[in-house]
Amino acid sequence: MLTIGKLGQAAGVKVPTIRYYEQIDLLPAPGRSLGNQRLYGAEVLDRLRFIRHARDLGFPLEAIRDLLSLSDRPDQSCAAADQIARTQLSAVRARIGRLRALEGELARMVAQCAHGTIADCRVIEVLGDHALCGHDHPGDVTGGPG
């Protein structure tokens, strides 16, 4: 049995994240020691590693919840899991497209800079006037909080 700290170390996840996953029912409620310390078995470590890997691949929590539910029923077809992965792949490709457009815009801004004073700096000028951008780049392209 693992304490929450050892579980976190073994899976590469911080303790508050483990508690959060318990709150949203991605992880089962832990057993407790006589001293009321959380205790976890190997199956929870496996589940936490699954969640961490899925998060590393950018899957949203609801997709992970669905994948975990599917993994709990191994006799089913994997069509639903394939569809979840296809949806994630599509989202990643869209994000890559937005990042490429962003890369082009940043490269254009830097290339147009005369390397003079801030008063003549193209980077500052473009950032101050979105109409000077060569591409529309709305929204967050990183997938993180924006």
Foldseek 3Di string as FASTA:
>chain_A
DDFLVVLCVLQVHDSVVVVVCCVVVLAPQADADPVRTGDDDPVRSVSSNQVVVCVVLPQDPVLSSVVVVCVVPVVDDCVVVVVSVVVSVVLLVVLVVLVVLVVVQVVVQVVPAPPDDPVRRSVVVCVVPVVPTPDDRDDDSPSDDD
